């Protein structure tokens, strides 16, 4: 399970460092920390044009952006149905 926050790509600016991009599909890229491998960002120009997903646990303050909705839940663990 991972928490994501979605933003318009043009609304996000990385101010320090550079991620390494792993091409996870034809149009998808998973951005990871090149030092430790922590997942950071996800982009998919076909499925989510103009959108960037940020793993919310990587924020300095993950509690600042609490989860509000569950989606892509077809294969979720049963107890997640009542998580919120």
C-alpha atoms as a PDB file:
ATOM      1  CA  UNK A   1       0.000   0.000   0.000  1.00  0.00           C
ATOM      2  CA  UNK A   2       1.288   3.457  -0.844  1.00  0.00           C
ATOM      3  CA  UNK A   3      -0.195   6.921  -0.590  1.00  0.00           C
ATOM      4  CA  UNK A   4      -0.014   9.217  -3.581  1.00  0.00           C
ATOM      5  CA  UNK A   5      -0.884  12.841  -4.190  1.00  0.00           C
ATOM      6  CA  UNK A   6      -1.615  14.054  -7.705  1.00  0.00           C
ATOM      7  CA  UNK A   7      -0.764  17.461  -9.137  1.00  0.00           C
ATOM      8  CA  UNK A   8      -0.590  19.134 -12.497  1.00  0.00           C
ATOM      9  CA  UNK A   9       2.926  18.548 -13.809  1.00  0.00           C
ATOM     10  CA  UNK A  10       3.478  22.266 -14.372  1.00  0.00           C
ATOM     11  CA  UNK A  11       2.565  22.999 -10.719  1.00  0.00           C
ATOM     12  CA  UNK A  12       5.464  20.959  -9.292  1.00  0.00           C
ATOM     13  CA  UNK A  13       9.071  22.067  -9.118  1.00  0.00           C
ATOM     14  CA  UNK A  14      11.871  19.941  -7.702  1.00  0.00           C
ATOM     15  CA  UNK A  15      14.221  22.350  -5.947  1.00  0.00           C
ATOM     16  CA  UNK A  16      17.047  20.032  -4.958  1.00  0.00           C
ATOM     17  CA  UNK A  17      18.639  16.886  -6.326  1.00  0.00           C
ATOM     18  CA  UNK A  18      17.646  14.765  -9.275  1.00  0.00           C
ATOM     19  CA  UNK A  19      15.766  11.487  -9.408  1.00  0.00           C
ATOM     20  CA  UNK A  20      16.626   8.465 -11.496  1.00  0.00           C
ATOM     21  CA  UNK A  21      13.821   7.409 -13.848  1.00  0.00           C
ATOM     22  CA  UNK A  22      12.931   3.756 -14.296  1.00  0.00           C
ATOM     23  CA  UNK A  23      10.776   3.172 -17.397  1.00  0.00           C
ATOM     24  CA  UNK A  24       8.117   0.902 -15.913  1.00  0.00           C
ATOM     25  CA  UNK A  25       6.034   0.794 -19.081  1.00  0.00           C
ATOM     26  CA  UNK A  26       5.921   2.314 -22.559  1.00  0.00           C
ATOM     27  CA  UNK A  27       4.564   5.622 -21.214  1.00  0.00           C
ATOM     28  CA  UNK A  28       5.216   5.330 -17.466  1.00  0.00           C
ATOM     29  CA  UNK A  29       8.219   6.453 -15.492  1.00  0.00           C
ATOM     30  CA  UNK A  30       8.936   5.747 -11.835  1.00  0.00           C
ATOM     31  CA  UNK A  31      11.269   8.331 -10.343  1.00  0.00           C
ATOM     32  CA  UNK A  32      13.463   7.051  -7.498  1.00  0.00           C
ATOM     33  CA  UNK A  33      16.224   8.432  -5.304  1.00  0.00           C
ATOM     34  CA  UNK A  34      19.500   7.458  -7.021  1.00  0.00           C
ATOM     35  CA  UNK A  35      21.185   6.991  -3.621  1.00  0.00           C
ATOM     36  CA  UNK A  36      18.737   4.740  -1.716  1.00  0.00           C
ATOM     37  CA  UNK A  37      16.111   3.683  -4.262  1.00  0.00           C
ATOM     38  CA  UNK A  38      13.144   5.247  -2.437  1.00  0.00           C
ATOM     39  CA  UNK A  39      10.198   5.730  -4.788  1.00  0.00           C
ATOM     40  CA  UNK A  40       9.368   9.420  -5.189  1.00  0.00           C
ATOM     41  CA  UNK A  41       7.282  10.261  -8.250  1.00  0.00           C
ATOM     42  CA  UNK A  42       5.315   8.608 -11.049  1.00  0.00           C
ATOM     43  CA  UNK A  43       4.395   9.950 -14.464  1.00  0.00           C
ATOM     44  CA  UNK A  44       2.485   8.346 -17.335  1.00  0.00           C
ATOM     45  CA  UNK A  45       1.993  10.513 -20.402  1.00  0.00           C
ATOM     46  CA  UNK A  46      -0.678   8.200 -21.833  1.00  0.00           C
ATOM     47  CA  UNK A  47      -2.863   7.431 -18.789  1.00  0.00           C
ATOM     48  CA  UNK A  48      -2.251  10.624 -16.790  1.00  0.00           C
ATOM     49  CA  UNK A  49      -1.238  13.322 -19.279  1.00  0.00           C
ATOM     50  CA  UNK A  50       0.044  16.441 -17.550  1.00  0.00           C
ATOM     51  CA  UNK A  51      -0.184  14.815 -14.098  1.00  0.00           C
ATOM     52  CA  UNK A  52       2.540  13.855 -11.633  1.00  0.00           C
ATOM     53  CA  UNK A  53       2.007  11.499  -8.692  1.00  0.00           C
ATOM     54  CA  UNK A  54       4.113  12.081  -5.588  1.00  0.00           C
ATOM     55  CA  UNK A  55       4.465   9.427  -2.897  1.00  0.00           C
ATOM     56  CA  UNK A  56       3.061  11.292   0.089  1.00  0.00           C
ATOM     57  CA  UNK A  57       5.225   9.448   2.632  1.00  0.00           C
ATOM     58  CA  UNK A  58       8.262  11.217   1.158  1.00  0.00           C
ATOM     59  CA  UNK A  59       7.062  14.693   2.182  1.00  0.00           C
ATOM     60  CA  UNK A  60       8.824  16.443   5.047  1.00  0.00           C
ATOM     61  CA  UNK A  61       5.402  16.428   6.745  1.00  0.00           C
ATOM     62  CA  UNK A  62       3.272  13.578   5.303  1.00  0.00           C
ATOM     63  CA  UNK A  63       0.411  14.472   7.676  1.00  0.00           C
ATOM     64  CA  UNK A  64       0.015  17.796   5.857  1.00  0.00           C
ATOM     65  CA  UNK A  65      -1.784  16.024   2.988  1.00  0.00           C
ATOM     66  CA  UNK A  66      -4.057  13.325   4.468  1.00  0.00           C
ATOM     67  CA  UNK A  67      -5.714  10.696   2.287  1.00  0.00           C
ATOM     68  CA  UNK A  68      -9.239  11.609   1.164  1.00  0.00           C
ATOM     69  CA  UNK A  69     -10.112   8.899  -1.343  1.00  0.00           C
ATOM     70  CA  UNK A  70      -9.157   5.336  -2.284  1.00  0.00           C
ATOM     71  CA  UNK A  71      -8.902   4.381  -5.945  1.00  0.00           C
ATOM     72  CA  UNK A  72      -7.402   1.599  -8.038  1.00  0.00           C
ATOM     73  CA  UNK A  73      -8.736  -0.749  -5.388  1.00  0.00           C
ATOM     74  CA  UNK A  74      -9.722  -3.836  -7.395  1.00  0.00           C
ATOM     75  CA  UNK A  75      -6.985  -5.886  -5.713  1.00  0.00           C
ATOM     76  CA  UNK A  76      -6.823  -4.192  -2.328  1.00  0.00           C
ATOM     77  CA  UNK A  77      -6.486  -6.071   0.932  1.00  0.00           C
ATOM     78  CA  UNK A  78      -9.943  -6.656   2.456  1.00  0.00           C
ATOM     79  CA  UNK A  79      -9.353  -4.601   5.612  1.00  0.00           C
ATOM     80  CA  UNK A  80      -8.639  -1.524   3.456  1.00  0.00           C
ATOM     81  CA  UNK A  81     -12.374  -1.256   2.705  1.00  0.00           C
ATOM     82  CA  UNK A  82     -12.820   0.191   6.208  1.00  0.00           C
ATOM     83  CA  UNK A  83      -9.498   2.047   6.533  1.00  0.00           C
ATOM     84  CA  UNK A  84     -11.147   5.467   6.358  1.00  0.00           C
END
